[in-house]
């Protein structure tokens, strides 16, 4: 019988530790509501899926510093995928959802990615891009022909996650080749918090789409680390969403942050 216990927590000082160190005590409180993806992630669920999936990547041969492309269409999928890669000791390379197969394939070759995480709606260009690169494993957050179901990683026998040096370990690879270490990504979060001062009582609404930058990742990670609730919307009735969820901070499509309360 396979064990379902989560893998050990990463070393103190990493993004994973700083974002999720209080997740278990916050339990089933909602952390991220992904309206476009139709998912609600509670704190315990989010950290459990990240650590189990990271353990699964290690079990399937992922190595420290290995680059993993992240080509997904929702904020929830990006959050889960990127943190999973980082927890496994890898380097997440997020790209814009609208990137085509040819351009994506070129980027995967350039950064020598060996795995790719996608969503079912983007699986076709993701698979085509993988065939142009050294990627051998394409994981999908939801079933898609020709991919490995991401959830299969959750059921593998747990493997120890690597101990990481936050100052040296790369966490993100951005377009243009810029790499951010765990410490640098945490510094980005701290700088953002100087502007908005999030607390556990805050509700953050963002309409930012997943792209090749780190702004959305930093915002969601900061929200989770502070115990706030992040609402990711792709559009629609934003005024209604603000009212229904009691939104206190808005991250608008122009990239600006506005505190409402």
Protein backbone atom coordinates (compact mmCIF):
# COMPACT_ATOMS: atom_id res chain seq x y z
CA UNK A 1 0.00 0.00 0.00
CA UNK A 2 1.44 3.39 -1.02
CA UNK A 3 2.01 6.02 1.63
CA UNK A 4 0.09 9.27 1.17
CA UNK A 5 2.16 11.30 3.64
CA UNK A 6 3.60 14.51 2.22
CA UNK A 7 7.33 14.69 1.61
CA UNK A 8 9.50 16.60 4.10
CA UNK A 9 9.47 20.39 4.00
CA UNK A 10 12.30 22.12 2.15
CA UNK A 11 15.02 23.99 4.02
CA UNK A 12 14.20 27.12 5.97
CA UNK A 13 14.71 30.32 4.00
CA UNK A 14 13.49 29.08 0.63
CA UNK A 15 10.45 30.44 -1.16
CA UNK A 16 8.54 27.25 -0.35
CA UNK A 17 9.24 27.54 3.37
CA UNK A 18 8.48 31.24 3.59
CA UNK A 19 5.25 30.98 1.58
CA UNK A 20 3.85 27.81 3.15
CA UNK A 21 5.35 27.55 6.64
CA UNK A 22 1.99 28.38 8.27
CA UNK A 23 -0.20 26.65 5.69
CA UNK A 24 -1.00 23.57 7.77
CA UNK A 25 -2.13 25.58 10.78
CA UNK A 26 -4.38 27.65 8.50
CA UNK A 27 -6.01 24.41 7.43
CA UNK A 28 -8.89 24.53 4.97
CA UNK A 29 -9.15 28.31 4.87
CA UNK A 30 -9.24 29.40 1.21
CA UNK A 31 -5.86 30.63 -0.04
CA UNK A 32 -6.48 30.98 -3.77
CA UNK A 33 -9.75 31.08 -5.69
CA UNK A 34 -9.04 30.54 -9.38
CA UNK A 35 -12.26 31.69 -11.03
CA UNK A 36 -11.09 30.97 -14.57
CA UNK A 37 -9.82 27.52 -13.71
CA UNK A 38 -12.76 26.73 -11.45
CA UNK A 39 -10.64 25.71 -8.45
CA UNK A 40 -10.52 26.72 -4.81
CA UNK A 41 -7.26 25.93 -3.07
CA UNK A 42 -7.27 25.83 0.71
CA UNK A 43 -3.98 26.39 2.51
CA UNK A 44 -3.51 22.76 3.55
CA UNK A 45 -4.51 21.45 0.13
CA UNK A 46 -2.14 23.79 -1.69
CA UNK A 47 0.94 22.97 0.38
CA UNK A 48 0.13 19.26 0.37
CA UNK A 49 -0.23 19.10 -3.42
CA UNK A 50 2.95 21.14 -3.94
CA UNK A 51 5.08 18.94 -1.68
CA UNK A 52 3.62 15.64 -2.91
CA UNK A 53 3.94 16.62 -6.56
CA UNK A 54 7.51 17.81 -5.96
CA UNK A 55 8.27 14.48 -4.35
CA UNK A 56 6.75 12.78 -7.40
CA UNK A 57 8.99 14.78 -9.74
CA UNK A 58 12.02 13.70 -7.74
CA UNK A 59 10.80 10.10 -7.83
CA UNK A 60 10.49 10.34 -11.63
CA UNK A 61 14.07 11.52 -11.99
CA UNK A 62 13.97 15.31 -11.64
CA UNK A 63 17.33 16.73 -10.64
CA UNK A 64 18.48 19.87 -8.86
CA UNK A 65 18.77 22.86 -11.24
CA UNK A 66 16.78 21.10 -13.96
CA UNK A 67 14.72 23.60 -15.96
CA UNK A 68 10.99 22.88 -16.25
CA UNK A 69 8.83 24.94 -18.59
CA UNK A 70 5.47 26.16 -17.27
CA UNK A 71 2.95 26.87 -20.05
CA UNK A 72 -0.45 27.19 -18.37
CA UNK A 73 -3.59 29.29 -18.75
CA UNK A 74 -4.65 30.09 -15.17
CA UNK A 75 -3.14 31.65 -12.07
CA UNK A 76 -3.98 28.57 -9.98
CA UNK A 77 -2.20 26.24 -12.40
CA UNK A 78 0.83 28.53 -12.54
CA UNK A 79 1.03 28.75 -8.75
CA UNK A 80 0.84 24.99 -8.29
CA UNK A 81 3.28 24.21 -11.12
CA UNK A 82 5.95 26.79 -10.30
CA UNK A 83 6.05 26.03 -6.58
CA UNK A 84 6.17 22.30 -7.28
CA UNK A 85 9.21 22.76 -9.51
CA UNK A 86 10.94 24.97 -6.94
CA UNK A 87 10.24 22.54 -4.10
CA UNK A 88 11.84 19.75 -6.15
CA UNK A 89 14.99 21.84 -6.51
CA UNK A 90 14.28 22.72 -10.13
CA UNK A 91 14.14 26.00 -11.99
CA UNK A 92 10.68 27.02 -13.22
CA UNK A 93 10.57 28.76 -16.60
CA UNK A 94 7.09 30.34 -16.92
CA UNK A 95 5.95 31.54 -20.34
CA UNK A 96 2.90 33.41 -21.60
CA UNK A 97 -0.17 31.28 -22.25
CA UNK A 98 -0.44 32.71 -25.77
CA UNK A 99 3.03 31.60 -26.84
CA UNK A 100 2.83 29.43 -29.97
CA UNK A 101 4.38 26.00 -30.44
CA UNK A 102 7.31 27.21 -32.58
CA UNK A 103 8.29 30.01 -30.21
CA UNK A 104 7.79 27.79 -27.17
CA UNK A 105 9.91 25.04 -28.70
CA UNK A 106 12.72 27.52 -29.36
CA UNK A 107 12.57 28.73 -25.75
CA UNK A 108 12.63 25.17 -24.39
CA UNK A 109 15.71 24.44 -26.48
CA UNK A 110 17.40 27.64 -25.40
CA UNK A 111 16.97 26.94 -21.71
CA UNK A 112 17.56 23.18 -22.16
CA UNK A 113 14.31 22.25 -20.40
CA UNK A 114 13.75 18.55 -19.76
CA UNK A 115 10.10 18.70 -18.66
CA UNK A 116 7.07 20.88 -19.33
CA UNK A 117 3.91 21.51 -17.29
CA UNK A 118 0.79 22.64 -19.12
CA UNK A 119 -3.01 22.68 -18.95
CA UNK A 120 -5.40 20.69 -21.18
CA UNK A 121 -6.38 23.72 -23.26
CA UNK A 122 -2.71 24.30 -24.12
CA UNK A 123 -1.66 20.66 -24.42
CA UNK A 124 -1.57 20.56 -28.22
CA UNK A 125 0.99 23.38 -28.70
CA UNK A 126 2.87 22.17 -25.62
CA UNK A 127 3.32 18.69 -27.08
CA UNK A 128 4.32 20.13 -30.46
CA UNK A 129 6.89 22.35 -28.73
CA UNK A 130 8.24 19.44 -26.69
CA UNK A 131 8.88 17.49 -29.88
CA UNK A 132 11.16 20.31 -31.05
CA UNK A 133 13.22 20.23 -27.84
CA UNK A 134 14.88 17.91 -25.31
CA UNK A 135 11.70 17.78 -23.22
CA UNK A 136 10.73 14.18 -22.58
CA UNK A 137 7.98 14.55 -20.00
CA UNK A 138 4.92 16.76 -20.52
CA UNK A 139 2.65 16.99 -17.48
CA UNK A 140 -0.89 18.35 -17.72
CA UNK A 141 -2.96 19.76 -14.87
CA UNK A 142 -5.96 17.82 -16.10
CA UNK A 143 -6.16 14.92 -18.52
CA UNK A 144 -4.92 15.57 -22.04
CA UNK A 145 -3.94 13.15 -24.79
CA UNK A 146 -0.20 12.63 -25.06
CA UNK A 147 0.60 14.00 -21.60
CA UNK A 148 1.20 12.65 -18.11
CA UNK A 149 -1.58 13.55 -15.67
CA UNK A 150 0.00 15.84 -13.08
CA UNK A 151 -2.11 14.21 -10.38
CA UNK A 152 -0.24 10.94 -10.91
CA UNK A 153 2.70 12.59 -9.17
CA UNK A 154 0.66 12.82 -5.97
CA UNK A 155 0.29 9.05 -5.64
CA UNK A 156 3.95 8.05 -5.99
CA UNK A 157 5.94 6.77 -3.04
CA UNK A 158 7.32 9.85 -1.24
CA UNK A 159 10.92 10.83 -1.90
CA UNK A 160 12.97 13.27 0.18
CA UNK A 161 13.01 16.79 -1.20
CA UNK A 162 16.46 18.36 -1.60
CA UNK A 163 17.87 20.77 0.96
CA UNK A 164 18.34 24.08 -0.85
CA UNK A 165 20.60 27.07 -0.33
CA UNK A 166 18.23 30.02 -0.73
CA UNK A 167 20.98 32.44 -1.73
CA UNK A 168 22.45 30.20 -4.44
CA UNK A 169 19.60 28.01 -5.63
CA UNK A 170 17.90 29.37 -8.78
CA UNK A 171 14.11 29.39 -8.57
CA UNK A 172 12.91 31.11 -11.75
CA UNK A 173 14.21 31.49 -15.28
CA UNK A 174 12.67 34.48 -17.02
CA UNK A 175 12.61 35.36 -20.73
CA UNK A 176 15.93 36.85 -21.74
CA UNK A 177 17.78 34.41 -19.51
CA UNK A 178 17.49 36.22 -16.17
CA UNK A 179 17.57 33.82 -13.23
CA UNK A 180 16.16 34.62 -9.81
CA UNK A 181 17.37 32.72 -6.76
CA UNK A 182 15.01 31.86 -3.91
CA UNK A 183 16.47 34.78 -1.94
CA UNK A 184 15.96 37.19 -4.84
CA UNK A 185 12.36 36.07 -5.32
CA UNK A 186 11.73 36.60 -1.61
CA UNK A 187 13.23 40.08 -1.94
CA UNK A 188 10.74 40.80 -4.75
CA UNK A 189 7.93 39.74 -2.41
CA UNK A 190 9.25 41.97 0.38
CA UNK A 191 9.48 44.94 -1.96
CA UNK A 192 5.89 44.42 -3.08
CA UNK A 193 4.73 44.18 0.50
CA UNK A 194 6.23 47.58 1.24
CA UNK A 195 3.69 48.96 -1.22
CA UNK A 196 0.54 47.14 -0.11
CA UNK A 197 1.20 45.81 3.42
CA UNK A 198 -0.93 42.69 3.18
CA UNK A 199 -2.51 41.12 6.27
CA UNK A 200 -4.59 38.02 6.97
CA UNK A 201 -7.77 40.07 6.61
CA UNK A 202 -7.00 41.15 3.04
CA UNK A 203 -8.70 39.84 -0.09
CA UNK A 204 -6.67 40.45 -3.24
CA UNK A 205 -8.31 40.46 -6.67
CA UNK A 206 -6.00 40.04 -9.66
CA UNK A 207 -6.79 39.98 -13.37
CA UNK A 208 -3.17 39.48 -14.38
CA UNK A 209 -2.78 36.51 -16.75
CA UNK A 210 0.05 33.98 -16.42
CA UNK A 211 3.00 35.19 -18.46
CA UNK A 212 6.77 34.99 -18.67
CA UNK A 213 7.30 37.50 -15.89
CA UNK A 214 7.21 37.11 -12.15
CA UNK A 215 4.68 39.78 -11.09
CA UNK A 216 1.71 37.41 -10.75
CA UNK A 217 3.83 34.76 -9.04
CA UNK A 218 5.18 37.30 -6.56
CA UNK A 219 1.71 38.67 -5.80
CA UNK A 220 0.13 35.25 -5.19
CA UNK A 221 3.11 34.02 -3.16
CA UNK A 222 3.00 37.14 -0.99
CA UNK A 223 -0.73 36.75 -0.44
CA UNK A 224 -0.38 33.12 0.62
CA UNK A 225 2.59 33.87 2.88
CA UNK A 226 0.55 36.55 4.68
CA UNK A 227 -2.54 34.41 5.09
CA UNK A 228 -4.63 36.56 2.76
CA UNK A 229 -7.15 35.33 0.19
CA UNK A 230 -6.21 35.75 -3.49
CA UNK A 231 -8.97 35.83 -6.11
CA UNK A 232 -7.73 35.27 -9.67
CA UNK A 233 -10.22 36.41 -12.31
CA UNK A 234 -9.92 36.48 -16.07
CA UNK A 235 -12.48 39.23 -16.54
CA UNK A 236 -16.28 39.21 -16.35
CA UNK A 237 -18.23 41.03 -13.68
CA UNK A 238 -15.32 42.42 -11.66
CA UNK A 239 -17.56 44.82 -9.73
CA UNK A 240 -19.68 41.85 -8.63
CA UNK A 241 -16.57 39.87 -7.72
CA UNK A 242 -15.28 42.74 -5.59
CA UNK A 243 -18.59 42.91 -3.75
CA UNK A 244 -19.09 39.16 -3.32
CA UNK A 245 -15.62 38.52 -1.89
CA UNK A 246 -15.12 41.77 0.00
CA UNK A 247 -12.02 42.66 -2.01
CA UNK A 248 -9.58 45.04 -0.30
CA UNK A 249 -6.73 45.14 -2.86
CA UNK A 250 -7.07 45.15 -6.65
CA UNK A 251 -4.32 44.27 -9.12
CA UNK A 252 -5.68 45.69 -12.36
CA UNK A 253 -4.91 44.86 -16.00
CA UNK A 254 -2.66 47.93 -16.25
CA UNK A 255 -0.31 46.38 -13.70
CA UNK A 256 -1.26 48.81 -10.95
CA UNK A 257 -2.13 47.86 -7.38
CA UNK A 258 -4.89 49.72 -5.57
CA UNK A 259 -5.95 49.35 -1.97
CA UNK A 260 -9.70 49.78 -1.55
CA UNK A 261 -9.88 49.36 2.21
